[in-house]
N, C-alpha and C. Protein backbone atom coordinates (compact mmCIF):
# COMPACT_ATOMS: atom_id res chain seq x y z
N UNK A 1 154.25 171.34 6.18
CA UNK A 1 155.06 172.28 6.94
C UNK A 1 154.33 172.65 8.22
N UNK A 2 155.02 172.62 9.32
CA UNK A 2 154.44 172.97 10.61
C UNK A 2 154.75 174.43 10.91
N UNK A 3 153.69 175.19 11.24
CA UNK A 3 153.89 176.60 11.55
C UNK A 3 154.41 176.74 12.99
N UNK A 4 154.77 177.95 13.36
CA UNK A 4 155.39 178.20 14.66
C UNK A 4 154.45 177.87 15.82
N UNK A 5 153.19 178.24 15.69
CA UNK A 5 152.22 177.98 16.77
C UNK A 5 152.06 176.48 16.99
N UNK A 6 151.97 175.73 15.93
CA UNK A 6 151.83 174.28 16.04
C UNK A 6 153.08 173.68 16.66
N UNK A 7 154.25 174.17 16.30
CA UNK A 7 155.50 173.67 16.88
C UNK A 7 155.55 173.96 18.38
N UNK A 8 155.10 175.14 18.79
CA UNK A 8 155.08 175.50 20.21
C UNK A 8 154.08 174.62 20.96
N UNK A 9 152.90 174.46 20.38
CA UNK A 9 151.88 173.62 21.01
C UNK A 9 152.36 172.18 21.15
N UNK A 10 152.96 171.66 20.12
CA UNK A 10 153.49 170.30 20.16
C UNK A 10 154.61 170.17 21.19
N UNK A 11 155.48 171.18 21.26
CA UNK A 11 156.56 171.16 22.26
C UNK A 11 156.01 171.20 23.68
N UNK A 12 154.96 171.99 23.91
CA UNK A 12 154.35 172.05 25.23
C UNK A 12 153.70 170.71 25.61
N UNK A 13 153.08 170.06 24.65
CA UNK A 13 152.46 168.76 24.92
C UNK A 13 153.51 167.68 25.19
N UNK A 14 154.59 167.70 24.45
CA UNK A 14 155.68 166.76 24.71
C UNK A 14 156.30 167.06 26.08
N UNK A 15 156.48 168.33 26.39
CA UNK A 15 157.02 168.71 27.70
C UNK A 15 156.09 168.26 28.83
N UNK A 16 154.79 168.27 28.58
CA UNK A 16 153.83 167.81 29.58
C UNK A 16 154.00 166.33 29.86
N UNK A 17 154.22 165.55 28.83
CA UNK A 17 154.42 164.11 29.01
C UNK A 17 155.72 163.87 29.78
N UNK A 18 156.77 164.58 29.44
CA UNK A 18 158.05 164.44 30.16
C UNK A 18 157.89 164.91 31.61
N UNK A 19 157.19 166.03 31.80
CA UNK A 19 157.00 166.60 33.13
C UNK A 19 156.14 165.72 34.04
N UNK A 20 155.37 164.83 33.46
CA UNK A 20 154.54 163.95 34.29
C UNK A 20 155.39 163.03 35.16
N UNK A 21 156.66 162.86 34.82
CA UNK A 21 157.55 162.03 35.62
C UNK A 21 158.29 162.84 36.67
N UNK A 22 158.12 164.15 36.68
CA UNK A 22 158.82 165.01 37.62
C UNK A 22 157.83 165.55 38.64
N UNK A 23 158.02 165.23 39.92
CA UNK A 23 157.09 165.74 40.93
C UNK A 23 157.15 167.27 41.02
N UNK A 24 156.01 167.86 41.21
CA UNK A 24 155.94 169.30 41.38
C UNK A 24 155.82 170.10 40.11
N UNK A 25 155.97 169.47 38.96
CA UNK A 25 155.82 170.17 37.69
C UNK A 25 154.41 169.91 37.16
N UNK A 26 153.64 170.95 36.93
CA UNK A 26 152.24 170.77 36.53
C UNK A 26 152.08 170.37 35.06
N UNK A 27 152.15 169.08 34.80
CA UNK A 27 152.08 168.62 33.42
C UNK A 27 150.72 168.92 32.79
N UNK A 28 149.66 168.87 33.58
CA UNK A 28 148.33 169.19 33.05
C UNK A 28 148.25 170.63 32.56
N UNK A 29 148.87 171.54 33.28
CA UNK A 29 148.88 172.94 32.85
C UNK A 29 149.70 173.14 31.59
N UNK A 30 150.82 172.42 31.49
CA UNK A 30 151.62 172.51 30.26
C UNK A 30 150.83 172.01 29.05
N UNK A 31 150.13 170.89 29.23
CA UNK A 31 149.35 170.33 28.14
C UNK A 31 148.23 171.30 27.74
N UNK A 32 147.55 171.84 28.74
CA UNK A 32 146.48 172.80 28.44
C UNK A 32 147.03 174.06 27.76
N UNK A 33 148.21 174.49 28.16
CA UNK A 33 148.82 175.66 27.51
C UNK A 33 149.07 175.37 26.04
N UNK A 34 149.54 174.17 25.73
CA UNK A 34 149.76 173.81 24.34
C UNK A 34 148.48 173.77 23.53
N UNK A 35 147.45 173.18 24.11
CA UNK A 35 146.16 173.08 23.41
C UNK A 35 145.55 174.46 23.19
N UNK A 36 145.59 175.29 24.22
CA UNK A 36 145.00 176.63 24.08
C UNK A 36 145.83 177.53 23.19
N UNK A 37 147.14 177.34 23.14
CA UNK A 37 147.96 178.10 22.20
C UNK A 37 147.55 177.77 20.77
N UNK A 38 147.32 176.49 20.51
CA UNK A 38 146.87 176.07 19.17
C UNK A 38 145.49 176.65 18.86
N UNK A 39 144.59 176.59 19.83
CA UNK A 39 143.22 177.06 19.58
C UNK A 39 143.17 178.57 19.35
N UNK A 40 143.88 179.33 20.18
CA UNK A 40 143.80 180.79 20.10
C UNK A 40 144.63 181.35 18.96
N UNK A 41 145.87 180.86 18.80
CA UNK A 41 146.78 181.47 17.84
C UNK A 41 146.99 180.63 16.58
N UNK A 42 146.48 179.40 16.57
CA UNK A 42 146.70 178.50 15.44
C UNK A 42 145.84 178.81 14.23
N UNK A 43 145.99 178.00 13.19
CA UNK A 43 145.27 178.24 11.94
C UNK A 43 143.80 177.82 11.97
N UNK A 44 143.26 177.46 13.11
CA UNK A 44 141.84 177.15 13.22
C UNK A 44 141.46 175.72 12.89
N UNK A 45 142.37 174.79 13.12
CA UNK A 45 142.08 173.38 12.82
C UNK A 45 141.37 172.68 13.97
N UNK A 46 141.23 173.34 15.11
CA UNK A 46 140.63 172.71 16.27
C UNK A 46 139.25 173.31 16.55
N UNK A 47 138.26 172.43 16.65
CA UNK A 47 136.90 172.87 16.94
C UNK A 47 136.68 173.05 18.43
N UNK A 48 135.54 173.63 18.77
CA UNK A 48 135.19 173.89 20.16
C UNK A 48 135.02 172.59 20.94
N UNK A 49 134.39 171.58 20.32
CA UNK A 49 134.18 170.31 21.03
C UNK A 49 135.49 169.60 21.34
N UNK A 50 136.43 169.69 20.43
CA UNK A 50 137.74 169.10 20.68
C UNK A 50 138.46 169.86 21.79
N UNK A 51 138.34 171.19 21.77
CA UNK A 51 138.92 172.00 22.84
C UNK A 51 138.30 171.65 24.19
N UNK A 52 137.00 171.46 24.22
CA UNK A 52 136.32 171.09 25.46
C UNK A 52 136.81 169.73 25.95
N UNK A 53 136.97 168.80 25.04
CA UNK A 53 137.47 167.47 25.41
C UNK A 53 138.88 167.55 26.00
N UNK A 54 139.75 168.29 25.34
CA UNK A 54 141.11 168.47 25.85
C UNK A 54 141.10 169.16 27.21
N UNK A 55 140.21 170.13 27.37
CA UNK A 55 140.12 170.86 28.63
C UNK A 55 139.71 169.93 29.77
N UNK A 56 138.73 169.08 29.53
CA UNK A 56 138.29 168.14 30.57
C UNK A 56 139.40 167.17 30.96
N UNK A 57 140.11 166.64 29.98
CA UNK A 57 141.22 165.73 30.28
C UNK A 57 142.34 166.48 30.99
N UNK A 58 142.59 167.70 30.60
CA UNK A 58 143.62 168.50 31.26
C UNK A 58 143.28 168.81 32.71
N UNK A 59 142.04 169.14 32.98
CA UNK A 59 141.61 169.41 34.36
C UNK A 59 141.70 168.13 35.19
N UNK A 60 141.28 167.02 34.62
CA UNK A 60 141.41 165.74 35.32
C UNK A 60 142.88 165.43 35.62
N UNK A 61 143.77 165.73 34.69
CA UNK A 61 145.20 165.52 34.89
C UNK A 61 145.71 166.36 36.06
N UNK A 62 145.28 167.60 36.14
CA UNK A 62 145.70 168.49 37.23
C UNK A 62 145.20 167.96 38.57
N UNK A 63 143.94 167.55 38.62
CA UNK A 63 143.36 167.05 39.87
C UNK A 63 144.08 165.78 40.33
N UNK A 64 144.30 164.85 39.42
CA UNK A 64 144.99 163.60 39.77
C UNK A 64 146.42 163.90 40.21
N UNK A 65 147.08 164.82 39.53
CA UNK A 65 148.45 165.17 39.87
C UNK A 65 148.54 165.78 41.27
N UNK A 66 147.62 166.66 41.59
CA UNK A 66 147.68 167.35 42.87
C UNK A 66 147.18 166.51 44.04
N UNK A 67 146.14 165.71 43.80
CA UNK A 67 145.47 165.07 44.93
C UNK A 67 145.47 163.54 44.89
N UNK A 68 146.16 162.92 43.96
CA UNK A 68 146.13 161.46 43.84
C UNK A 68 146.61 160.73 45.07
N UNK A 69 147.78 161.10 45.57
CA UNK A 69 148.31 160.46 46.77
C UNK A 69 147.46 160.74 47.99
N UNK A 70 146.97 161.97 48.11
CA UNK A 70 146.12 162.33 49.25
C UNK A 70 144.81 161.56 49.21
N UNK A 71 144.25 161.39 48.03
CA UNK A 71 142.99 160.66 47.91
C UNK A 71 143.19 159.20 48.30
N UNK A 72 144.29 158.61 47.86
CA UNK A 72 144.56 157.21 48.21
C UNK A 72 144.80 157.05 49.71
N UNK A 73 145.57 157.95 50.29
CA UNK A 73 145.81 157.88 51.72
C UNK A 73 144.55 158.12 52.52
N UNK A 74 143.76 159.05 52.08
CA UNK A 74 142.50 159.36 52.76
C UNK A 74 141.52 158.19 52.65
N UNK A 75 141.51 157.53 51.51
CA UNK A 75 140.61 156.38 51.33
C UNK A 75 140.98 155.24 52.27
N UNK A 76 142.23 155.14 52.63
CA UNK A 76 142.67 154.08 53.54
C UNK A 76 142.46 154.45 55.01
N UNK A 77 142.29 155.75 55.31
CA UNK A 77 142.02 156.14 56.68
C UNK A 77 142.93 157.20 57.24
N UNK A 78 143.92 157.64 56.48
CA UNK A 78 144.80 158.71 56.95
C UNK A 78 144.03 160.02 56.94
N UNK A 79 144.38 160.91 57.82
CA UNK A 79 143.69 162.19 57.88
C UNK A 79 144.11 163.09 56.72
N UNK A 80 143.27 164.04 56.40
CA UNK A 80 143.58 164.98 55.32
C UNK A 80 144.82 165.79 55.67
N UNK A 81 144.92 166.21 56.92
CA UNK A 81 146.09 166.98 57.37
C UNK A 81 147.36 166.17 57.17
N UNK A 82 147.31 164.89 57.51
CA UNK A 82 148.48 164.02 57.37
C UNK A 82 148.91 163.91 55.92
N UNK A 83 147.96 163.68 55.03
CA UNK A 83 148.32 163.49 53.63
C UNK A 83 148.83 164.79 53.00
N UNK A 84 148.27 165.92 53.40
CA UNK A 84 148.76 167.20 52.86
C UNK A 84 150.17 167.51 53.36
N UNK A 85 150.42 167.24 54.65
CA UNK A 85 151.77 167.44 55.18
C UNK A 85 152.76 166.48 54.52
N UNK A 86 152.31 165.27 54.23
CA UNK A 86 153.18 164.30 53.55
C UNK A 86 153.52 164.77 52.14
N UNK A 87 152.57 165.36 51.45
CA UNK A 87 152.85 165.87 50.10
C UNK A 87 153.88 167.00 50.15
N UNK A 88 153.76 167.88 51.13
CA UNK A 88 154.73 168.97 51.28
C UNK A 88 156.11 168.41 51.62
N UNK A 89 156.16 167.44 52.53
CA UNK A 89 157.44 166.83 52.90
C UNK A 89 158.07 166.12 51.71
N UNK A 90 157.26 165.43 50.93
CA UNK A 90 157.78 164.75 49.75
C UNK A 90 158.35 165.72 48.74
N UNK A 91 157.67 166.83 48.55
CA UNK A 91 158.16 167.85 47.61
C UNK A 91 159.46 168.46 48.12
N UNK A 92 159.53 168.74 49.42
CA UNK A 92 160.75 169.32 49.99
C UNK A 92 161.92 168.34 49.88
N UNK A 93 161.67 167.07 50.15
CA UNK A 93 162.75 166.08 50.08
C UNK A 93 163.14 165.75 48.64
N UNK A 94 162.29 166.10 47.69
CA UNK A 94 162.65 165.91 46.28
C UNK A 94 163.92 166.69 45.95
N UNK A 95 164.04 167.89 46.51
CA UNK A 95 165.19 168.73 46.21
C UNK A 95 166.45 168.27 46.94
N UNK A 96 166.29 167.39 47.92
CA UNK A 96 167.44 166.86 48.65
C UNK A 96 167.88 165.51 48.10
N UNK A 97 166.91 164.59 47.92
CA UNK A 97 167.22 163.22 47.52
C UNK A 97 166.68 162.83 46.15
N UNK A 98 166.07 163.76 45.44
CA UNK A 98 165.51 163.45 44.13
C UNK A 98 164.21 162.67 44.26
N UNK A 99 163.88 161.86 43.26
CA UNK A 99 162.62 161.10 43.30
C UNK A 99 162.48 160.18 44.51
N UNK A 100 163.59 159.65 45.00
CA UNK A 100 163.54 158.82 46.19
C UNK A 100 163.07 159.63 47.40
N UNK A 101 163.43 160.90 47.44
CA UNK A 101 163.00 161.78 48.52
C UNK A 101 161.50 161.96 48.57
N UNK A 102 160.86 161.97 47.41
CA UNK A 102 159.40 162.08 47.37
C UNK A 102 158.77 160.86 48.04
N UNK A 103 159.27 159.69 47.68
CA UNK A 103 158.73 158.46 48.28
C UNK A 103 159.00 158.40 49.78
N UNK A 104 160.23 158.72 50.16
CA UNK A 104 160.57 158.70 51.59
C UNK A 104 159.78 159.74 52.36
N UNK A 105 159.62 160.91 51.79
CA UNK A 105 158.86 161.97 52.46
C UNK A 105 157.40 161.59 52.64
N UNK A 106 156.80 161.05 51.60
CA UNK A 106 155.39 160.65 51.68
C UNK A 106 155.22 159.53 52.70
N UNK A 107 155.99 158.48 52.55
CA UNK A 107 155.84 157.33 53.44
C UNK A 107 156.18 157.69 54.88
N UNK A 108 157.32 158.34 55.08
CA UNK A 108 157.78 158.66 56.43
C UNK A 108 156.85 159.61 57.16
N UNK A 109 156.35 160.61 56.47
CA UNK A 109 155.46 161.58 57.12
C UNK A 109 154.14 160.94 57.49
N UNK A 110 153.54 160.20 56.57
CA UNK A 110 152.26 159.55 56.88
C UNK A 110 152.45 158.57 58.03
N UNK A 111 153.51 157.78 57.98
CA UNK A 111 153.75 156.81 59.04
C UNK A 111 153.96 157.51 60.39
N UNK A 112 154.81 158.52 60.42
CA UNK A 112 155.12 159.20 61.68
C UNK A 112 153.89 159.88 62.28
N UNK A 113 153.10 160.53 61.45
CA UNK A 113 151.91 161.22 61.96
C UNK A 113 150.80 160.26 62.34
N UNK A 114 150.69 159.17 61.60
CA UNK A 114 149.65 158.19 61.91
C UNK A 114 149.98 157.38 63.17
N UNK A 115 151.25 157.09 63.40
CA UNK A 115 151.63 156.32 64.58
C UNK A 115 151.44 157.15 65.85
N UNK A 116 151.49 158.46 65.73
CA UNK A 116 151.28 159.35 66.87
C UNK A 116 149.83 159.45 67.30
N UNK A 117 148.92 159.12 66.38
CA UNK A 117 147.50 159.19 66.73
C UNK A 117 147.18 158.13 67.79
N UNK A 118 146.34 158.48 68.69
CA UNK A 118 146.02 157.59 69.82
C UNK A 118 145.29 156.33 69.36
N UNK A 119 144.51 156.43 68.30
CA UNK A 119 143.72 155.27 67.87
C UNK A 119 144.41 154.42 66.80
N UNK A 120 145.69 154.66 66.54
CA UNK A 120 146.40 153.92 65.49
C UNK A 120 147.42 152.96 66.11
N UNK A 121 147.44 151.78 65.57
CA UNK A 121 148.48 150.83 65.93
C UNK A 121 149.52 150.83 64.82
N UNK A 122 150.63 150.14 65.07
CA UNK A 122 151.74 150.11 64.13
C UNK A 122 151.29 149.64 62.74
N UNK A 123 150.53 148.56 62.70
CA UNK A 123 150.09 147.98 61.42
C UNK A 123 149.22 148.94 60.64
N UNK A 124 148.32 149.63 61.34
CA UNK A 124 147.45 150.59 60.66
C UNK A 124 148.25 151.76 60.10
N UNK A 125 149.18 152.28 60.90
CA UNK A 125 150.01 153.39 60.43
C UNK A 125 150.86 152.97 59.24
N UNK A 126 151.40 151.73 59.29
CA UNK A 126 152.21 151.21 58.19
C UNK A 126 151.37 151.09 56.91
N UNK A 127 150.17 150.52 57.05
CA UNK A 127 149.30 150.36 55.88
C UNK A 127 148.87 151.70 55.30
N UNK A 128 148.55 152.66 56.15
CA UNK A 128 148.16 153.99 55.65
C UNK A 128 149.31 154.64 54.90
N UNK A 129 150.52 154.52 55.42
CA UNK A 129 151.69 155.09 54.76
C UNK A 129 151.94 154.40 53.43
N UNK A 130 151.80 153.09 53.43
CA UNK A 130 152.00 152.33 52.20
C UNK A 130 150.96 152.70 51.14
N UNK A 131 149.70 152.80 51.55
CA UNK A 131 148.63 153.16 50.62
C UNK A 131 148.83 154.56 50.05
N UNK A 132 149.22 155.50 50.89
CA UNK A 132 149.44 156.87 50.41
C UNK A 132 150.59 156.90 49.40
N UNK A 133 151.65 156.15 49.67
CA UNK A 133 152.80 156.13 48.77
C UNK A 133 152.46 155.44 47.45
N UNK A 134 151.79 154.31 47.53
CA UNK A 134 151.38 153.60 46.31
C UNK A 134 150.38 154.45 45.52
N UNK A 135 149.49 155.13 46.23
CA UNK A 135 148.53 156.02 45.55
C UNK A 135 149.23 157.16 44.83
N UNK A 136 150.28 157.68 45.44
CA UNK A 136 151.04 158.74 44.79
C UNK A 136 151.72 158.21 43.53
N UNK A 137 152.29 157.00 43.61
CA UNK A 137 152.92 156.41 42.43
C UNK A 137 151.89 156.11 41.34
N UNK A 138 150.74 155.60 41.75
CA UNK A 138 149.68 155.31 40.78
C UNK A 138 149.16 156.59 40.14
N UNK A 139 149.07 157.64 40.92
CA UNK A 139 148.61 158.91 40.33
C UNK A 139 149.64 159.44 39.34
N UNK A 140 150.93 159.17 39.59
CA UNK A 140 151.96 159.56 38.63
C UNK A 140 151.81 158.83 37.31
N UNK A 141 151.49 157.55 37.39
CA UNK A 141 151.24 156.77 36.17
C UNK A 141 150.00 157.32 35.45
N UNK A 142 148.96 157.62 36.22
CA UNK A 142 147.73 158.16 35.62
C UNK A 142 147.99 159.50 34.95
N UNK A 143 148.79 160.35 35.58
CA UNK A 143 149.12 161.65 34.99
C UNK A 143 149.90 161.45 33.70
N UNK A 144 150.83 160.52 33.69
CA UNK A 144 151.58 160.22 32.47
C UNK A 144 150.63 159.79 31.36
N UNK A 145 149.72 158.86 31.67
CA UNK A 145 148.80 158.35 30.65
C UNK A 145 147.85 159.44 30.16
N UNK A 146 147.37 160.29 31.06
CA UNK A 146 146.47 161.37 30.65
C UNK A 146 147.21 162.38 29.78
N UNK A 147 148.43 162.74 30.16
CA UNK A 147 149.22 163.68 29.35
C UNK A 147 149.55 163.07 27.98
N UNK A 148 149.91 161.80 27.98
CA UNK A 148 150.21 161.13 26.72
C UNK A 148 148.97 161.03 25.83
N UNK A 149 147.81 160.85 26.44
CA UNK A 149 146.58 160.79 25.64
C UNK A 149 146.27 162.16 25.03
N UNK A 150 146.59 163.23 25.74
CA UNK A 150 146.39 164.56 25.16
C UNK A 150 147.33 164.78 23.98
N UNK A 151 148.58 164.34 24.13
CA UNK A 151 149.53 164.45 23.02
C UNK A 151 149.07 163.62 21.83
N UNK A 152 148.65 162.39 22.08
CA UNK A 152 148.19 161.52 20.99
C UNK A 152 146.94 162.11 20.33
N UNK A 153 146.03 162.61 21.15
CA UNK A 153 144.82 163.23 20.59
C UNK A 153 145.13 164.44 19.74
N UNK A 154 146.10 165.23 20.18
CA UNK A 154 146.50 166.40 19.41
C UNK A 154 147.10 165.98 18.06
N UNK A 155 147.98 165.00 18.10
CA UNK A 155 148.62 164.54 16.86
C UNK A 155 147.58 163.97 15.91
N UNK A 156 146.64 163.18 16.42
CA UNK A 156 145.65 162.53 15.56
C UNK A 156 144.60 163.53 15.08
N UNK A 157 143.97 164.24 16.02
CA UNK A 157 142.81 165.03 15.65
C UNK A 157 143.12 166.43 15.14
N UNK A 158 144.30 166.96 15.45
CA UNK A 158 144.64 168.30 14.97
C UNK A 158 145.64 168.24 13.83
N UNK A 159 146.68 167.45 13.98
CA UNK A 159 147.72 167.44 12.95
C UNK A 159 147.43 166.47 11.81
N UNK A 160 146.86 165.32 12.14
CA UNK A 160 146.71 164.28 11.12
C UNK A 160 145.39 164.38 10.38
N UNK A 161 144.28 164.49 11.09
CA UNK A 161 142.96 164.50 10.41
C UNK A 161 142.59 165.83 9.86
């Protein structure tokens, strides 16, 4: 029989995995909320080391979720200002065009701002925009995998063992 706290924690972890596909929803925070709900209010099946492990994976999930696209764009040569503005534009366009708006906002903003720079040519601006967009998509996959690993770890190490 699953108690109420465990059901809430499990629901938060499942919601975190689902939320990893939705831009702007902090799936890492949802997963951490589920883990900490179990640790604080649960029947005591989770040890401190397991909590620490979940916390580290959750923090990594938050960092990748927030800065994955910016890190990829910055690694290719786009400015930090450009990648941050692109993230804001992508989030704003999400509410207009859905997930396609995020991609268009990221790519279009990076390209437009990079082409305006005096030291950028068309090819460089195109590549920077492409790298930032691909990095954002890759970070989404990474967030999904990290959230799913927290859910799997919870099921195995808290519920099953």
